[in-house]
Amino acid sequence: MASVAKTKLRPDQTLTPREFDIAELLLTGMSAEHIGKKLGIQAGGVRGMMVGMRNKTGTDNRVALALWFANRFPTPEAMKVGYID
């Protein structure tokens, strides 16, 4: 399993604005279905984007992806659910 703390994006693998939107909603514990409804896209599209995000970040699952995002881009949502101090 990839280490959440050590994994960094390569310069050519930045997250897109839509991926940031998905990550922020993922931090709130939303399912792919709820994220899709909130963003006006299908749940399958959300899942596909999360696969791409996991590939970019070197994470193995949605929890690791959420932790990766929360540790690098602190948001009020991340602080509310206790991912970061």
Protein backbone atom coordinates (compact mmCIF):
# COMPACT_ATOMS: atom_id res chain seq x y z
CA MET A 1 0.00 0.00 0.00
CA ALA A 2 1.29 3.45 -0.87
CA SER A 3 2.19 5.70 2.01
CA VAL A 4 -0.23 8.58 2.24
CA ALA A 5 2.39 10.83 3.84
CA LYS A 6 5.14 10.23 1.26
CA THR A 7 3.14 10.19 -1.98
CA LYS A 8 3.48 13.33 -4.08
CA LEU A 9 2.02 14.27 -7.42
CA ARG A 10 4.40 14.55 -10.30
CA PRO A 11 4.37 18.03 -11.86
CA ASP A 12 2.45 16.67 -14.88
CA GLN A 13 -0.23 15.10 -12.68
CA THR A 14 -2.04 17.97 -11.05
CA LEU A 15 -5.59 17.54 -9.82
CA THR A 16 -8.23 19.24 -11.92
CA PRO A 17 -10.73 21.69 -10.45
CA ARG A 18 -13.43 19.00 -10.74
CA GLU A 19 -11.20 16.51 -8.91
CA PHE A 20 -10.79 19.07 -6.12
CA ASP A 21 -14.61 19.40 -5.98
CA ILE A 22 -14.95 15.62 -5.66
CA ALA A 23 -12.22 15.41 -3.02
CA GLU A 24 -13.83 18.11 -0.90
CA LEU A 25 -17.16 16.29 -0.99
CA LEU A 26 -15.43 12.97 -0.32
CA LEU A 27 -14.11 14.50 2.90
CA THR A 28 -17.67 14.99 4.10
CA GLY A 29 -18.30 11.25 3.76
CA MET A 30 -20.57 11.50 0.73
CA SER A 31 -21.05 8.46 -1.47
CA ALA A 32 -20.30 8.59 -5.20
CA GLU A 33 -24.05 8.81 -5.78
CA HIS A 34 -24.42 11.84 -3.52
CA ILE A 35 -21.32 13.52 -4.93
CA GLY A 36 -22.67 12.99 -8.44
CA LYS A 37 -26.04 14.49 -7.55
CA LYS A 38 -24.39 17.48 -5.90
CA LEU A 39 -22.15 18.11 -8.94
CA GLY A 40 -24.68 17.17 -11.61
CA ILE A 41 -22.76 14.17 -12.94
CA GLN A 42 -23.39 10.43 -12.85
CA ALA A 43 -22.08 8.30 -9.99
CA GLY A 44 -20.11 6.21 -12.50
CA GLY A 45 -18.33 9.36 -13.62
CA VAL A 46 -17.47 10.19 -10.01
CA ARG A 47 -16.11 6.67 -9.45
CA GLY A 48 -14.06 6.90 -12.64
CA MET A 49 -12.61 10.23 -11.61
CA MET A 50 -11.76 8.81 -8.18
CA VAL A 51 -9.84 5.96 -9.86
CA GLY A 52 -7.85 8.56 -11.79
CA MET A 53 -7.29 10.56 -8.61
CA ARG A 54 -6.08 7.45 -6.77
CA ASN A 55 -3.70 6.71 -9.63
CA LYS A 56 -2.35 10.26 -9.54
CA THR A 57 -1.89 10.25 -5.77
CA GLY A 58 -0.72 6.66 -5.36
CA THR A 59 -3.52 5.84 -2.93
CA ASP A 60 -5.34 2.51 -2.84
CA ASN A 61 -8.87 3.42 -1.77
CA ARG A 62 -11.24 6.30 -1.10
CA VAL A 63 -10.25 6.60 2.57
CA ALA A 64 -6.56 6.88 1.69
CA LEU A 65 -7.47 9.39 -1.03
CA ALA A 66 -9.45 11.49 1.45
CA LEU A 67 -6.54 11.42 3.91
CA TRP A 68 -4.07 12.34 1.18
CA PHE A 69 -6.21 15.30 0.17
CA ALA A 70 -6.93 16.44 3.74
CA ASN A 71 -3.25 16.40 4.67
CA ARG A 72 -2.24 18.51 1.69
CA PHE A 73 -5.19 20.84 1.23
CA PRO A 74 -6.76 21.53 4.65
CA THR A 75 -10.36 22.59 4.35
CA PRO A 76 -12.99 23.40 6.94
CA GLU A 77 -14.70 20.11 5.96
CA ALA A 78 -11.56 18.12 6.75
CA MET A 79 -11.19 19.78 10.11
CA LYS A 80 -14.84 19.11 11.01
CA VAL A 81 -14.57 15.38 10.46
CA GLY A 82 -11.26 15.09 12.24
CA TYR A 83 -8.91 14.16 9.39
CA ILE A 84 -6.47 16.87 10.44
CA ASP A 85 -5.72 18.81 13.61
